[in-house]
């Protein structure tokens, strides 16, 4: 599949999700290339009058800059601690609507926004679907800088191959909160729920990319059209 066709699928999924936005809503703005399509769509609809009286809560500094550039008015969680609807992307999605996120490095703030949302809608192209999480994507784990090396053996004992994420010029990547990301390759996960619980209990881990019990529905764009994955099934 070409880059052009994948971009088209991302746009189709984004448009379907943006159709859910109603006037007066507080909308969570996710990170990543697919979520950016949704922000672009919001900006276009605000400009031509199809959308009005909405505000967005960005999950990263880059998302805030993109939203401002595209004409989407912003607010904060301090001003609006309850979000009506969040539209976000994902790196991998399984049939139980469990997802891996964090490829862009905004997983902590994305999870905070998701937990504050009445609805968390994930938009993906069908290439992100997987029978088992970890088949196509590594699991990002955000850790504070203090004592970060102590996690390497711990994650290895859990069965992961671990790499410290780097950014430009091979310098360690830093999140908006100043933390490091350890990309943990667990392979296909037999029990993501149990792994999430183990990671949640680990001191120094501030977030991981397993979003479990947070997703309301997933909008999937494929070569045969757009469809919705819900907890009740596919429609």
Protein backbone atom coordinates (compact mmCIF):
# COMPACT_ATOMS: atom_id res chain seq x y z
CA UNK A 1 0.00 0.00 0.00
CA UNK A 2 1.43 3.40 -0.97
CA UNK A 3 1.98 6.32 1.40
CA UNK A 4 -0.70 8.23 -0.51
CA UNK A 5 -3.31 5.52 -0.01
CA UNK A 6 -2.47 5.16 3.71
CA UNK A 7 -2.85 8.94 4.12
CA UNK A 8 -6.23 8.70 2.40
CA UNK A 9 -7.35 5.95 4.78
CA UNK A 10 -6.22 8.00 7.77
CA UNK A 11 -8.23 10.94 6.47
CA UNK A 12 -11.33 8.80 5.98
CA UNK A 13 -11.14 7.46 9.54
CA UNK A 14 -10.59 10.97 10.86
CA UNK A 15 -13.61 12.39 9.04
CA UNK A 16 -15.85 9.63 10.39
CA UNK A 17 -14.74 10.34 13.96
CA UNK A 18 -15.07 14.10 13.62
CA UNK A 19 -18.70 13.54 12.59
CA UNK A 20 -19.28 12.66 16.28
CA UNK A 21 -18.38 16.17 17.47
CA UNK A 22 -21.32 18.34 18.49
CA UNK A 23 -21.42 22.10 19.20
CA UNK A 24 -20.28 22.97 22.69
CA UNK A 25 -18.06 19.91 23.11
CA UNK A 26 -14.68 19.78 24.79
CA UNK A 27 -12.57 17.59 22.50
CA UNK A 28 -9.36 15.80 23.40
CA UNK A 29 -6.73 16.14 20.68
CA UNK A 30 -4.46 13.12 20.30
CA UNK A 31 -0.93 12.92 18.95
CA UNK A 32 0.46 11.29 15.83
CA UNK A 33 -0.05 11.43 12.09
CA UNK A 34 -3.56 9.95 12.13
CA UNK A 35 -4.79 12.17 14.97
CA UNK A 36 -3.40 15.15 13.07
CA UNK A 37 -5.80 14.32 10.24
CA UNK A 38 -8.66 14.76 12.70
CA UNK A 39 -7.33 18.14 13.82
CA UNK A 40 -7.03 19.20 10.18
CA UNK A 41 -10.62 18.14 9.61
CA UNK A 42 -11.81 20.06 12.67
CA UNK A 43 -10.02 23.18 11.48
CA UNK A 44 -11.62 22.95 8.06
CA UNK A 45 -15.10 22.49 9.51
CA UNK A 46 -14.62 25.36 11.96
CA UNK A 47 -13.50 27.58 9.09
CA UNK A 48 -16.52 26.82 6.89
CA UNK A 49 -19.07 26.80 9.72
CA UNK A 50 -19.87 23.09 9.87
CA UNK A 51 -18.43 23.06 13.40
CA UNK A 52 -18.68 25.76 16.04
CA UNK A 53 -18.33 26.36 19.77
CA UNK A 54 -15.80 23.63 20.40
CA UNK A 55 -12.51 23.73 22.29
CA UNK A 56 -9.66 21.26 22.18
CA UNK A 57 -7.43 19.84 24.91
CA UNK A 58 -4.04 19.02 23.33
CA UNK A 59 -2.00 16.10 24.68
CA UNK A 60 1.41 17.55 23.77
CA UNK A 61 3.16 20.78 22.93
CA UNK A 62 3.39 19.75 19.27
CA UNK A 63 -0.33 19.00 19.14
CA UNK A 64 -1.06 22.41 20.67
CA UNK A 65 1.08 24.10 18.01
CA UNK A 66 -0.61 22.14 15.21
CA UNK A 67 -4.09 22.95 16.53
CA UNK A 68 -3.32 26.66 16.77
CA UNK A 69 -1.93 26.64 13.24
CA UNK A 70 -5.08 24.90 11.98
CA UNK A 71 -7.50 27.22 13.76
CA UNK A 72 -8.76 24.92 16.53
CA UNK A 73 -9.30 26.89 19.78
CA UNK A 74 -7.63 25.38 22.83
CA UNK A 75 -8.31 24.95 26.50
CA UNK A 76 -6.72 22.99 29.33
CA UNK A 77 -7.68 20.16 31.66
CA UNK A 78 -7.52 22.63 34.54
CA UNK A 79 -10.30 24.63 32.88
CA UNK A 80 -12.23 21.59 31.63
CA UNK A 81 -11.36 18.51 33.72
CA UNK A 82 -14.03 16.45 31.93
CA UNK A 83 -13.64 15.91 28.18
CA UNK A 84 -16.66 14.99 26.07
CA UNK A 85 -14.82 13.17 23.30
CA UNK A 86 -11.20 12.42 22.52
CA UNK A 87 -10.03 11.44 19.04
CA UNK A 88 -6.63 9.79 18.97
CA UNK A 89 -4.60 7.36 16.92
CA UNK A 90 -2.93 4.11 17.93
CA UNK A 91 0.05 2.05 16.89
CA UNK A 92 -1.69 -1.32 17.28
CA UNK A 93 -5.26 -2.43 18.09
CA UNK A 94 -6.54 -5.85 19.12
CA UNK A 95 -10.10 -7.27 18.89
CA UNK A 96 -10.81 -6.39 22.56
CA UNK A 97 -10.16 -2.68 21.81
CA UNK A 98 -6.92 -2.79 23.76
CA UNK A 99 -4.31 -0.63 22.06
CA UNK A 100 -0.63 0.23 22.10
CA UNK A 101 0.12 3.93 21.93
CA UNK A 102 3.19 6.07 22.40
CA UNK A 103 5.02 5.83 19.10
CA UNK A 104 5.13 9.63 19.07
CA UNK A 105 6.23 9.87 22.69
CA UNK A 106 3.10 11.51 24.16
CA UNK A 107 1.73 8.43 25.93
CA UNK A 108 1.57 9.86 29.47
CA UNK A 109 -0.45 12.92 28.52
CA UNK A 110 -2.52 10.92 26.04
CA UNK A 111 -3.46 8.54 28.85
CA UNK A 112 -4.33 11.40 31.22
CA UNK A 113 -6.58 12.89 28.53
CA UNK A 114 -8.13 9.48 27.80
CA UNK A 115 -8.93 8.90 31.47
CA UNK A 116 -10.64 12.30 31.62
CA UNK A 117 -12.79 11.55 28.56
CA UNK A 118 -16.39 10.38 28.40
CA UNK A 119 -15.54 8.77 25.05
CA UNK A 120 -12.15 7.73 23.70
CA UNK A 121 -12.37 7.17 19.95
CA UNK A 122 -9.34 5.65 18.23
CA UNK A 123 -8.84 6.15 14.50
CA UNK A 124 -6.58 3.86 12.47
CA UNK A 125 -5.99 2.41 9.05
CA UNK A 126 -6.58 -1.33 8.92
CA UNK A 127 -2.85 -2.04 8.91
CA UNK A 128 -2.83 -1.25 12.65
CA UNK A 129 -5.11 -4.18 13.51
CA UNK A 130 -3.57 -7.22 15.18
CA UNK A 131 -4.78 -10.44 16.77
CA UNK A 132 -2.26 -9.94 19.59
CA UNK A 133 -0.71 -6.71 20.80
CA UNK A 134 3.04 -6.67 20.40
CA UNK A 135 2.95 -8.48 17.08
CA UNK A 136 3.54 -5.31 15.07
CA UNK A 137 4.73 -2.75 17.60
CA UNK A 138 7.00 -2.47 20.61
CA UNK A 139 5.62 -1.22 23.91
CA UNK A 140 6.81 2.24 24.98
CA UNK A 141 7.37 2.67 28.71
CA UNK A 142 7.96 6.18 30.07
CA UNK A 143 10.30 6.36 33.07
CA UNK A 144 11.72 9.17 35.15
CA UNK A 145 15.44 9.77 34.54
CA UNK A 146 16.41 8.91 38.13
CA UNK A 147 17.39 5.27 38.30
CA UNK A 148 16.28 4.50 34.76
CA UNK A 149 18.94 1.83 34.29
CA UNK A 150 17.43 -0.22 37.10
CA UNK A 151 14.49 -0.99 34.83
CA UNK A 152 16.53 -2.69 32.13
CA UNK A 153 17.02 -6.01 33.93
CA UNK A 154 13.46 -5.90 35.26
CA UNK A 155 11.94 -5.57 31.79
CA UNK A 156 14.35 -8.15 30.39
CA UNK A 157 13.23 -10.62 33.06
CA UNK A 158 9.66 -9.99 31.95
CA UNK A 159 10.70 -11.14 28.47
CA UNK A 160 11.41 -7.87 26.68
CA UNK A 161 14.26 -6.66 24.54
CA UNK A 162 14.78 -3.04 25.60
CA UNK A 163 16.09 0.00 23.75
CA UNK A 164 16.33 3.57 25.01
CA UNK A 165 14.53 5.77 22.52
CA UNK A 166 16.69 8.35 20.80
CA UNK A 167 15.76 11.43 18.81
CA UNK A 168 17.65 13.86 16.63
CA UNK A 169 21.41 13.34 16.41
CA UNK A 170 21.06 10.09 18.36
CA UNK A 171 20.39 12.01 21.59
CA UNK A 172 17.99 10.44 24.08
CA UNK A 173 14.40 11.35 23.38
CA UNK A 174 12.74 13.40 26.12
CA UNK A 175 8.98 13.61 26.61
CA UNK A 176 7.16 16.88 27.30
CA UNK A 177 7.52 15.99 30.98
CA UNK A 178 11.29 15.50 30.65
CA UNK A 179 11.18 11.72 30.98
CA UNK A 180 12.84 8.91 28.99
CA UNK A 181 11.11 6.25 26.93
CA UNK A 182 12.22 2.64 26.96
CA UNK A 183 10.90 0.78 23.93
CA UNK A 184 10.22 -2.77 25.12
CA UNK A 185 9.77 -5.52 22.56
CA UNK A 186 7.74 -8.23 24.31
CA UNK A 187 6.63 -9.87 21.08
CA UNK A 188 2.99 -11.02 20.84
CA UNK A 189 1.48 -10.61 24.31
CA UNK A 190 -0.48 -13.49 25.78
CA UNK A 191 -1.89 -11.37 28.62
CA UNK A 192 -1.65 -7.59 28.12
CA UNK A 193 -3.85 -6.92 31.17
CA UNK A 194 -1.46 -8.69 33.55
CA UNK A 195 1.57 -7.01 31.98
CA UNK A 196 -0.08 -3.61 32.39
CA UNK A 197 -0.69 -4.31 36.07
CA UNK A 198 2.96 -5.26 36.61
CA UNK A 199 4.16 -2.10 34.89
CA UNK A 200 1.69 0.08 36.80
CA UNK A 201 3.14 -1.23 40.07
CA UNK A 202 6.76 -0.47 39.15
CA UNK A 203 8.22 2.60 40.90
CA UNK A 204 9.76 5.00 38.40
CA UNK A 205 7.42 4.00 35.57
CA UNK A 206 5.12 6.96 34.99
CA UNK A 207 3.21 5.51 32.03
CA UNK A 208 3.19 2.68 29.52
CA UNK A 209 1.64 2.42 26.10
CA UNK A 210 -0.99 -0.21 26.95
CA UNK A 211 -4.38 1.50 26.93
CA UNK A 212 -6.73 -1.05 28.46
CA UNK A 213 -10.36 -0.32 29.35
CA UNK A 214 -10.10 3.21 27.99
CA UNK A 215 -11.23 2.91 24.36
CA UNK A 216 -14.94 3.36 23.57
CA UNK A 217 -14.73 2.53 19.88
CA UNK A 218 -12.27 2.28 17.03
CA UNK A 219 -12.82 3.75 13.57
CA UNK A 220 -11.02 1.66 10.96
CA UNK A 221 -10.47 2.74 7.37
CA UNK A 222 -9.63 -0.01 4.91
CA UNK A 223 -9.66 -0.70 1.22
CA UNK A 224 -13.33 -1.72 1.47
CA UNK A 225 -14.44 1.37 3.37
CA UNK A 226 -14.78 2.65 6.93
CA UNK A 227 -16.16 0.53 9.76
CA UNK A 228 -16.45 0.75 13.54
CA UNK A 229 -15.15 -1.66 16.17
CA UNK A 230 -17.11 -1.47 19.43
CA UNK A 231 -17.32 -3.62 22.53
CA UNK A 232 -20.53 -5.05 21.07
CA UNK A 233 -18.86 -6.04 17.81
CA UNK A 234 -18.12 -4.62 14.37
CA UNK A 235 -20.51 -2.35 12.52
